[in-house]
Amino acid sequence: MTSHTLTVGFDLDMTLIDSRPGIKAAYQALSAATGTYVDADLAVTRLGPPLEHELRNWFPEEEIQETADLYREIYTTHAIEPTLAMPGAREAVAAVRAHGGRAIVVTAKHEPNAKLHLTHLGIEADAVIGWLWAEAKAVALREHDAAVYVGDHTGDVRGARTAGALSVAVATGPCDAAELRAAGADVVLGSLTEFPGWLDVYAARGAVS
């Protein structure tokens, strides 16, 4: 599909939102509910992959699905309120719109919870697609004809490259700038506060029609 409208995809956790306080609270509540210890401080240092990946560090395989369902139920009560917008998040989305573009969110997070976060923080996306991680994110990026995908994890870089989108990485999550570059990111920014300026240059080069 060919489009003349710029579409930019954004990851959610540690790209648009700092979900660490909320996720820590959710894991603590999960520990209390199950009687199984989860090091919540450690878990929030490795956000990005799907929930089930982290749960396997603490629960046996036969309990993963039931525990994941319980966590997602707990999440709505404990994790939404404490979560903050990342610096520059709202401005980054606004910058896309200022160029006549569409801003979509493509995340590994449970889609209903992703939408709750965005609504709570007043970040308006043109579409929110959940349950996609790493290369699988390319499915949604292609469907929405995204030219750019912005994320904080090497998995986000892989998703962008698989989709044939420009990979813009922000060093605000578990992966530092060197890791993001090594994974093949086309652009590495310190944070989303740098994104509007970068987008202006990208547009001025004729990349936006």
Protein backbone atom coordinates (compact mmCIF):
# COMPACT_ATOMS: atom_id res chain seq x y z
CA MET A 1 0.00 0.00 0.00
CA THR A 2 1.27 3.46 -0.89
CA SER A 3 0.31 6.40 1.28
CA HIS A 4 1.10 10.10 1.22
CA THR A 5 0.24 10.45 4.92
CA LEU A 6 3.13 10.03 7.33
CA THR A 7 2.43 7.30 9.87
CA VAL A 8 4.74 6.98 12.87
CA GLY A 9 4.51 4.02 15.21
CA PHE A 10 5.50 4.29 18.86
CA ASP A 11 6.25 1.61 21.41
CA LEU A 12 4.57 2.13 24.79
CA ASP A 13 6.54 1.05 27.87
CA MET A 14 9.63 3.21 28.43
CA THR A 15 9.03 4.96 25.10
CA LEU A 16 5.78 6.87 25.63
CA ILE A 17 5.16 5.93 29.27
CA ASP A 18 7.26 5.25 32.34
CA SER A 19 5.32 2.27 33.59
CA ARG A 20 7.92 1.15 36.12
CA PRO A 21 6.11 2.46 39.23
CA GLY A 22 2.84 0.87 38.15
CA ILE A 23 4.36 -2.43 37.07
CA LYS A 24 6.31 -2.65 40.33
CA ALA A 25 3.08 -2.18 42.27
CA ALA A 26 1.34 -4.81 40.13
CA TYR A 27 4.11 -7.36 40.70
CA GLN A 28 4.04 -6.70 44.44
CA ALA A 29 0.28 -7.28 44.45
CA LEU A 30 0.78 -10.45 42.38
CA SER A 31 3.30 -11.74 44.93
CA ALA A 32 0.84 -11.08 47.74
CA ALA A 33 -2.00 -12.80 45.87
CA THR A 34 -0.02 -15.91 44.87
CA GLY A 35 2.42 -16.27 47.74
CA THR A 36 5.25 -16.47 45.18
CA TYR A 37 8.12 -14.01 45.48
CA VAL A 38 8.73 -11.76 42.49
CA ASP A 39 11.61 -9.28 42.65
CA ALA A 40 9.61 -6.32 41.37
CA ASP A 41 12.62 -3.99 41.36
CA LEU A 42 14.50 -6.40 39.10
CA ALA A 43 11.51 -7.10 36.85
CA VAL A 44 11.03 -3.43 35.98
CA THR A 45 14.63 -3.18 34.73
CA ARG A 46 13.87 -5.51 31.83
CA LEU A 47 10.61 -4.27 30.39
CA GLY A 48 9.89 -4.83 26.72
CA PRO A 49 9.22 -8.53 26.10
CA PRO A 50 5.75 -9.95 26.76
CA LEU A 51 4.67 -10.49 30.37
CA GLU A 52 4.95 -14.26 30.08
CA HIS A 53 8.71 -13.97 29.50
CA GLU A 54 9.17 -12.33 32.91
CA LEU A 55 6.76 -14.62 34.73
CA ARG A 56 8.81 -17.64 33.69
CA ASN A 57 11.58 -16.38 35.98
CA TRP A 58 9.28 -16.84 38.99
CA PHE A 59 6.54 -19.36 38.20
CA PRO A 60 6.53 -22.90 36.73
CA GLU A 61 5.41 -23.19 33.12
CA GLU A 62 2.10 -24.85 33.97
CA GLU A 63 1.10 -21.79 36.02
CA ILE A 64 2.11 -19.10 33.52
CA GLN A 65 -1.23 -18.59 31.73
CA GLU A 66 -3.30 -18.47 34.91
CA THR A 67 -0.77 -16.16 36.57
CA ALA A 68 -0.66 -13.88 33.53
CA ASP A 69 -4.45 -13.59 33.57
CA LEU A 70 -4.37 -12.73 37.27
CA TYR A 71 -1.61 -10.16 36.74
CA ARG A 72 -3.56 -8.41 33.98
CA GLU A 73 -6.60 -8.26 36.24
CA ILE A 74 -4.51 -6.83 39.09
CA TYR A 75 -2.83 -4.42 36.69
CA THR A 76 -5.90 -2.28 36.08
CA THR A 77 -6.20 -1.54 39.81
CA HIS A 78 -2.52 -1.05 40.69
CA ALA A 79 -0.59 0.05 37.61
CA ILE A 80 -2.53 2.74 35.76
CA GLU A 81 -2.56 5.54 38.33
CA PRO A 82 1.20 5.52 39.21
CA THR A 83 2.39 5.44 35.59
CA LEU A 84 3.78 8.65 34.10
CA ALA A 85 4.22 9.98 30.59
CA MET A 86 7.83 9.92 29.47
CA PRO A 87 9.41 13.36 28.95
CA GLY A 88 8.48 14.56 25.48
CA ALA A 89 5.80 11.90 24.87
CA ARG A 90 2.88 14.21 24.25
CA GLU A 91 5.07 16.58 22.24
CA ALA A 92 6.32 13.71 20.06
CA VAL A 93 2.78 12.67 19.16
CA ALA A 94 1.85 16.32 18.55
CA ALA A 95 4.87 16.70 16.25
CA VAL A 96 3.61 13.88 14.04
CA ARG A 97 0.21 15.54 13.83
CA ALA A 98 1.82 18.91 13.08
CA HIS A 99 3.28 17.30 9.96
CA GLY A 100 -0.16 16.04 8.97
CA GLY A 101 0.67 12.52 10.10
CA ARG A 102 -0.86 9.71 12.11
CA ALA A 103 0.57 8.41 15.39
CA ILE A 104 -0.07 4.79 16.25
CA VAL A 105 1.01 2.69 19.23
CA VAL A 106 2.31 -0.85 18.66
CA THR A 107 3.15 -2.66 21.88
CA ALA A 108 3.63 -6.09 23.41
CA LYS A 109 1.35 -5.02 26.26
CA HIS A 110 -2.17 -6.38 26.76
CA GLU A 111 -4.08 -4.07 24.42
CA PRO A 112 -6.89 -3.03 26.81
CA ASN A 113 -4.33 -2.02 29.44
CA ALA A 114 -2.32 -0.08 26.86
CA LYS A 115 -5.46 1.88 25.99
CA LEU A 116 -6.15 2.56 29.68
CA HIS A 117 -2.66 4.06 30.06
CA LEU A 118 -3.03 6.35 27.08
CA THR A 119 -6.48 7.53 28.13
CA HIS A 120 -5.32 8.18 31.69
CA LEU A 121 -2.33 10.20 30.50
CA GLY A 122 -4.19 12.07 27.77
CA ILE A 123 -2.02 10.71 24.95
CA GLU A 124 -4.22 10.34 21.87
CA ALA A 125 -3.17 7.72 19.34
CA ASP A 126 -4.84 7.13 15.99
CA ALA A 127 -4.65 3.39 16.60
CA VAL A 128 -3.44 1.12 19.40
CA ILE A 129 -2.31 -2.40 18.59
CA GLY A 130 -1.25 -4.70 21.42
CA TRP A 131 0.13 -8.19 21.94
CA LEU A 132 2.93 -7.78 19.37
CA TRP A 133 6.59 -8.19 20.25
CA ALA A 134 9.80 -7.71 18.26
CA GLU A 135 9.53 -8.95 14.65
CA ALA A 136 5.78 -9.53 15.10
CA LYS A 137 5.30 -5.76 15.42
CA ALA A 138 5.98 -5.59 11.70
CA VAL A 139 2.48 -6.99 11.07
CA ALA A 140 0.80 -3.87 12.46
CA LEU A 141 3.45 -1.50 11.11
CA ARG A 142 2.91 -2.80 7.59
CA GLU A 143 -0.87 -2.80 7.95
CA HIS A 144 -0.80 0.88 8.90
CA ASP A 145 1.94 1.72 6.38
CA ALA A 146 4.21 3.12 9.09
CA ALA A 147 7.30 4.84 7.71
CA VAL A 148 8.93 5.21 11.14
CA TYR A 149 8.83 3.14 14.32
CA VAL A 150 10.06 4.61 17.60
CA GLY A 151 11.02 2.33 20.48
CA ASP A 152 13.44 1.82 23.34
CA HIS A 153 14.31 -1.87 22.97
CA THR A 154 16.36 -3.91 20.52
CA GLY A 155 13.15 -5.83 19.88
CA ASP A 156 11.61 -2.59 18.63
CA VAL A 157 14.54 -2.13 16.26
CA ARG A 158 13.98 -5.63 14.90
CA GLY A 159 10.27 -4.92 14.46
CA ALA A 160 10.96 -1.74 12.51
CA ARG A 161 13.53 -3.36 10.27
CA THR A 162 11.30 -6.35 9.58
CA ALA A 163 8.55 -3.93 8.51
CA GLY A 164 10.90 -1.91 6.32
CA ALA A 165 10.31 1.15 8.51
CA LEU A 166 12.95 3.59 9.70
CA SER A 167 14.03 2.56 13.20
CA VAL A 168 14.23 5.51 15.59
CA ALA A 169 15.43 4.35 19.00
CA VAL A 170 15.30 6.23 22.28
CA ALA A 171 17.78 5.31 25.00
CA THR A 172 15.22 5.57 27.79
CA GLY A 173 14.58 1.88 28.46
CA PRO A 174 16.64 -1.21 29.31
CA CYS A 175 18.85 -0.96 26.19
CA ASP A 176 21.54 1.70 26.01
CA ALA A 177 22.47 3.68 22.91
CA ALA A 178 25.30 1.31 21.96
CA GLU A 179 23.01 -1.74 22.10
CA LEU A 180 20.38 0.02 20.02
CA ARG A 181 22.93 1.00 17.38
CA ALA A 182 24.39 -2.51 17.33
CA ALA A 183 20.87 -3.90 16.76
CA GLY A 184 20.60 -1.76 13.64
CA ALA A 185 18.73 1.37 14.73
CA ASP A 186 18.85 4.01 11.99
CA VAL A 187 18.62 6.88 14.49
CA VAL A 188 19.31 6.90 18.23
CA LEU A 189 17.97 9.75 20.38
CA GLY A 190 18.60 10.39 24.05
CA SER A 191 14.86 10.74 24.67
CA LEU A 192 11.61 11.71 22.98
CA THR A 193 12.33 15.35 23.79
CA GLU A 194 14.66 15.23 20.76
CA PHE A 195 12.06 13.69 18.46
CA PRO A 196 10.20 16.82 17.23
CA GLY A 197 13.47 18.41 16.10
CA TRP A 198 14.54 15.20 14.39
CA LEU A 199 11.15 14.93 12.66
CA ASP A 200 11.45 18.49 11.36
CA VAL A 201 14.76 17.58 9.71
CA TYR A 202 13.34 14.30 8.37
CA ALA A 203 10.39 16.18 6.86
CA ALA A 204 12.62 18.93 5.42
CA ARG A 205 14.59 16.29 3.52
CA GLY A 206 11.42 15.46 1.65
CA ALA A 207 10.75 12.23 3.51
CA VAL A 208 7.24 13.48 4.33
CA SER A 209 4.92 14.16 1.41
